[in-house]
């Protein structure tokens, strides 16, 4: 699974917390702010 967003975003933090609680493997891709694509 790929998770897109800024690490400092509260919405991204909520999803990361859920994925870690469920032991789901994911790759985080910085997107937004200075990482804009």
Protein backbone atom coordinates (compact mmCIF):
# COMPACT_ATOMS: atom_id res chain seq x y z
CA UNK A 1 0.00 0.00 0.00
CA UNK A 2 1.21 3.51 -0.73
CA UNK A 3 0.39 6.45 1.54
CA UNK A 4 0.75 9.90 -0.02
CA UNK A 5 0.98 13.13 2.00
CA UNK A 6 3.07 15.24 4.33
CA UNK A 7 4.30 13.48 7.46
CA UNK A 8 3.20 16.52 9.49
CA UNK A 9 -0.38 16.35 8.19
CA UNK A 10 -2.83 15.30 10.90
CA UNK A 11 -4.85 13.26 8.37
CA UNK A 12 -1.73 11.37 7.28
CA UNK A 13 -0.79 10.76 10.93
CA UNK A 14 -4.23 9.24 11.61
CA UNK A 15 -3.92 6.87 8.65
CA UNK A 16 -0.34 5.91 9.61
CA UNK A 17 -1.52 5.15 13.16
CA UNK A 18 -4.30 2.91 11.85
CA UNK A 19 -2.01 1.07 9.43
CA UNK A 20 0.54 0.46 12.18
CA UNK A 21 -2.15 -0.74 14.62
CA UNK A 22 -3.41 -3.20 11.99
CA UNK A 23 0.17 -4.23 11.08
CA UNK A 24 -0.41 -3.30 7.42
CA UNK A 25 2.73 -2.86 5.35
CA UNK A 26 2.87 0.52 3.58
CA UNK A 27 5.23 2.92 1.85
CA UNK A 28 5.02 6.61 2.72
CA UNK A 29 5.51 9.07 -0.17
CA UNK A 30 5.97 12.74 0.75
CA UNK A 31 3.55 14.87 -1.25
CA UNK A 32 2.35 18.43 -0.74
CA UNK A 33 4.00 21.57 0.56
CA UNK A 34 7.59 21.72 -0.64
CA UNK A 35 7.24 18.17 -2.03
CA UNK A 36 4.51 19.25 -4.49
CA UNK A 37 4.30 17.17 -7.65
